[in-house]
Amino acid sequence: MNRFVIAVALCFALGCPSFAQTSADAPASKEDVEKYLEAIHSHEMMKQMVQAMSKPMHDMVHEQYLKSKDQLPQDFEERTNKSMDEMMKELPFDEMLDAMVPAYQKHFTKGDIEALTAFYSTPTGQKILREMPAIMSEAMETMMPLMRKSIDHMTQRLQDQMAEMMKQPAKDAGKTAPAAKN
């Protein structure tokens, strides 16, 4: 009988870590992900990110207005910024968060999500969450001129390529492809 009790105890002792490992490696449930998204204040973070993006977007509109003000109405900048701000406020944050859940489930296990939730519940995790909008805003401000320059360069290259293509005669215009032999 003692051997049986010892055998059962050993099986239980050796089986528990295996069970815990399996549970941690299990796919994250929708509830796990929702708990994580709540811990990181995702709804508030999304709103803050939209606010942080507002200034660089307004700066880009202002730049565009200055470049083309002779062709644009005088209230272009004000109307465009107001319209952009309204559209950003109307983003369906709850639906967007729901749509994100499957991606988290695909890439993170239950254990991963639990560890992330635990980290973001710490003071350091909460500090990252508080500081991230300012970091992103500052990063966007420094990146916008670089992005604008790159976009302008790409646009110019495409326009040059199109102009070059327009100069070339249409090749094989009106010719039909030879019939394939079977």
Protein backbone atom coordinates (compact mmCIF):
# COMPACT_ATOMS: atom_id res chain seq x y z
CA MET A 1 0.00 0.00 0.00
CA ASN A 2 2.85 2.37 0.85
CA ARG A 3 4.39 1.70 -2.56
CA PHE A 4 1.07 2.53 -4.23
CA VAL A 5 0.79 5.83 -2.30
CA ILE A 6 4.41 6.70 -3.17
CA ALA A 7 3.81 5.85 -6.84
CA VAL A 8 0.66 8.00 -6.95
CA ALA A 9 2.49 10.84 -5.17
CA LEU A 10 5.38 10.62 -7.65
CA CYS A 11 3.03 10.58 -10.62
CA PHE A 12 1.20 13.58 -9.21
CA ALA A 13 4.43 15.46 -8.41
CA LEU A 14 5.91 14.78 -11.83
CA GLY A 15 2.62 15.40 -13.62
CA CYS A 16 1.93 18.83 -12.07
CA PRO A 17 4.82 20.63 -13.77
CA SER A 18 3.79 19.01 -17.02
CA PHE A 19 0.21 20.18 -16.52
CA ALA A 20 1.35 23.69 -15.66
CA GLN A 21 3.58 23.78 -18.75
CA THR A 22 0.71 22.59 -20.93
CA SER A 23 -1.61 25.23 -19.47
CA ALA A 24 0.95 28.01 -20.06
CA ASP A 25 1.58 26.77 -23.60
CA ALA A 26 -2.13 26.61 -24.36
CA PRO A 27 -3.49 29.21 -26.74
CA ALA A 28 -4.54 32.44 -25.06
CA SER A 29 -8.29 32.74 -24.67
CA LYS A 30 -10.26 35.79 -25.71
CA GLU A 31 -10.67 36.58 -22.01
CA ASP A 32 -6.89 36.37 -21.45
CA VAL A 33 -6.26 38.85 -24.25
CA GLU A 34 -9.05 41.15 -23.08
CA LYS A 35 -7.53 41.14 -19.57
CA TYR A 36 -4.15 42.08 -21.07
CA LEU A 37 -5.68 44.83 -23.22
CA GLU A 38 -7.39 46.16 -20.10
CA ALA A 39 -4.09 46.05 -18.13
CA ILE A 40 -2.38 48.15 -20.80
CA HIS A 41 -5.30 50.59 -20.89
CA SER A 42 -5.55 49.96 -24.63
CA HIS A 43 -8.70 52.02 -25.15
CA GLU A 44 -7.18 55.08 -23.50
CA MET A 45 -3.86 54.42 -25.23
CA MET A 46 -5.52 54.40 -28.64
CA LYS A 47 -7.16 57.75 -27.90
CA GLN A 48 -3.84 59.18 -26.73
CA MET A 49 -2.08 57.90 -29.82
CA VAL A 50 -4.67 59.61 -32.01
CA GLN A 51 -4.10 62.85 -30.08
CA ALA A 52 -0.33 62.43 -30.40
CA MET A 53 -0.65 61.96 -34.15
CA SER A 54 -2.79 65.08 -34.48
CA LYS A 55 0.00 67.68 -34.34
CA PRO A 56 2.24 66.04 -36.96
CA MET A 57 -0.80 65.56 -39.20
CA HIS A 58 -1.75 69.22 -38.77
CA ASP A 59 1.84 70.19 -39.56
CA MET A 60 1.67 68.12 -42.75
CA VAL A 61 -1.59 69.84 -43.77
CA HIS A 62 0.01 73.22 -43.07
CA GLU A 63 3.02 72.28 -45.21
CA GLN A 64 0.72 71.21 -48.03
CA TYR A 65 -1.24 74.44 -47.73
CA LEU A 66 1.94 76.53 -47.95
CA LYS A 67 3.04 74.65 -51.06
CA SER A 68 -0.29 75.03 -52.84
CA LYS A 69 -1.98 78.03 -51.20
CA ASP A 70 -2.51 79.76 -54.54
CA GLN A 71 -4.69 76.86 -55.67
CA LEU A 72 -6.45 76.16 -52.37
CA PRO A 73 -9.25 78.01 -50.58
CA GLN A 74 -8.11 80.29 -47.77
CA ASP A 75 -9.82 78.12 -45.12
CA PHE A 76 -8.34 74.87 -46.50
CA GLU A 77 -6.09 74.28 -43.51
CA GLU A 78 -8.79 74.95 -40.90
CA ARG A 79 -11.42 72.84 -42.67
CA THR A 80 -9.02 69.96 -43.37
CA ASN A 81 -7.73 69.85 -39.79
CA LYS A 82 -11.27 69.97 -38.40
CA SER A 83 -12.41 67.20 -40.72
CA MET A 84 -9.37 65.06 -39.93
CA ASP A 85 -9.86 65.53 -36.17
CA GLU A 86 -13.53 64.56 -36.42
CA MET A 87 -12.71 61.43 -38.42
CA MET A 88 -10.08 60.40 -35.89
CA LYS A 89 -12.55 60.84 -33.01
CA GLU A 90 -15.06 58.62 -34.82
CA LEU A 91 -12.71 55.65 -35.06
CA PRO A 92 -14.47 52.55 -33.66
CA PHE A 93 -11.98 51.83 -30.86
CA ASP A 94 -13.98 48.99 -29.27
CA GLU A 95 -14.43 47.21 -32.59
CA MET A 96 -10.76 47.73 -33.40
CA LEU A 97 -9.74 46.17 -30.08
CA ASP A 98 -12.06 43.21 -30.67
CA ALA A 99 -10.53 42.75 -34.10
CA MET A 100 -7.04 42.64 -32.55
CA VAL A 101 -7.80 39.71 -30.23
CA PRO A 102 -7.26 36.92 -32.79
CA ALA A 103 -3.83 38.32 -33.72
CA TYR A 104 -2.77 38.24 -30.08
CA GLN A 105 -4.15 34.71 -29.76
CA LYS A 106 -2.20 33.63 -32.83
CA HIS A 107 1.14 34.98 -31.62
CA PHE A 108 0.97 34.57 -27.84
CA THR A 109 0.26 31.63 -25.57
CA LYS A 110 -1.74 31.85 -22.38
CA GLY A 111 1.55 32.02 -20.45
CA ASP A 112 2.85 34.83 -22.65
CA ILE A 113 -0.29 36.89 -22.14
CA GLU A 114 -0.25 36.24 -18.39
CA ALA A 115 3.40 37.36 -18.21
CA LEU A 116 2.67 40.49 -20.24
CA THR A 117 -0.34 41.28 -18.08
CA ALA A 118 1.76 40.81 -14.95
CA PHE A 119 4.53 43.08 -16.31
CA TYR A 120 2.20 45.87 -17.38
CA SER A 121 0.57 45.73 -13.97
CA THR A 122 3.92 46.67 -12.35
CA PRO A 123 5.00 50.29 -11.76
CA THR A 124 7.56 50.03 -14.59
CA GLY A 125 4.96 48.62 -16.96
CA GLN A 126 2.54 51.39 -16.02
CA LYS A 127 5.29 54.01 -16.59
CA ILE A 128 5.91 52.65 -20.08
CA LEU A 129 2.20 52.98 -20.77
CA ARG A 130 2.10 56.56 -19.44
CA GLU A 131 5.19 57.67 -21.37
CA MET A 132 4.52 55.89 -24.66
CA PRO A 133 2.17 58.53 -26.15
CA ALA A 134 4.73 61.31 -25.56
CA ILE A 135 7.51 59.11 -26.95
CA MET A 136 5.46 58.33 -30.05
CA SER A 137 4.50 61.99 -30.50
CA GLU A 138 8.11 63.11 -30.30
CA ALA A 139 9.18 60.30 -32.62
CA MET A 140 6.46 61.20 -35.13
CA GLU A 141 7.54 64.85 -35.12
CA THR A 142 11.11 63.88 -35.94
CA MET A 143 10.07 61.24 -38.48
CA MET A 144 7.50 63.32 -40.40
CA PRO A 145 10.04 65.45 -42.30
CA LEU A 146 11.96 62.29 -43.21
CA MET A 147 8.78 60.53 -44.31
CA ARG A 148 7.62 63.60 -46.26
CA LYS A 149 11.00 63.82 -48.01
CA SER A 150 10.91 60.12 -48.89
CA ILE A 151 7.33 60.30 -50.11
CA ASP A 152 8.13 63.38 -52.21
CA HIS A 153 11.18 61.59 -53.65
CA MET A 154 9.16 58.44 -54.45
CA THR A 155 6.39 60.51 -56.01
CA GLN A 156 8.90 62.37 -58.18
CA ARG A 157 10.53 59.11 -59.28
CA LEU A 158 7.16 57.64 -60.24
CA GLN A 159 6.20 60.79 -62.13
CA ASP A 160 9.54 60.73 -63.97
CA GLN A 161 9.06 57.06 -64.86
CA MET A 162 5.53 57.71 -66.09
CA ALA A 163 6.73 60.67 -68.19
CA GLU A 164 9.47 58.50 -69.68
CA MET A 165 6.99 55.73 -70.47
CA MET A 166 4.67 58.22 -72.14
CA LYS A 167 7.50 59.32 -74.46
CA GLN A 168 8.12 55.78 -75.68
CA PRO A 169 6.01 54.52 -78.57
CA ALA A 170 3.54 51.82 -77.69
CA LYS A 171 5.27 48.54 -78.46
CA ASP A 172 3.47 46.02 -80.56
CA ALA A 173 0.31 48.12 -80.60
CA GLY A 174 -2.43 46.29 -82.42
CA LYS A 175 -0.48 43.06 -82.73
CA THR A 176 -2.02 39.95 -81.38
CA ALA A 177 -0.09 37.32 -79.53
CA PRO A 178 0.75 34.24 -81.56
CA ALA A 179 -1.56 31.31 -80.98
CA ALA A 180 -0.18 28.65 -78.68
CA LYS A 181 0.49 25.30 -80.32
CA ASN A 182 -0.95 22.27 -78.63
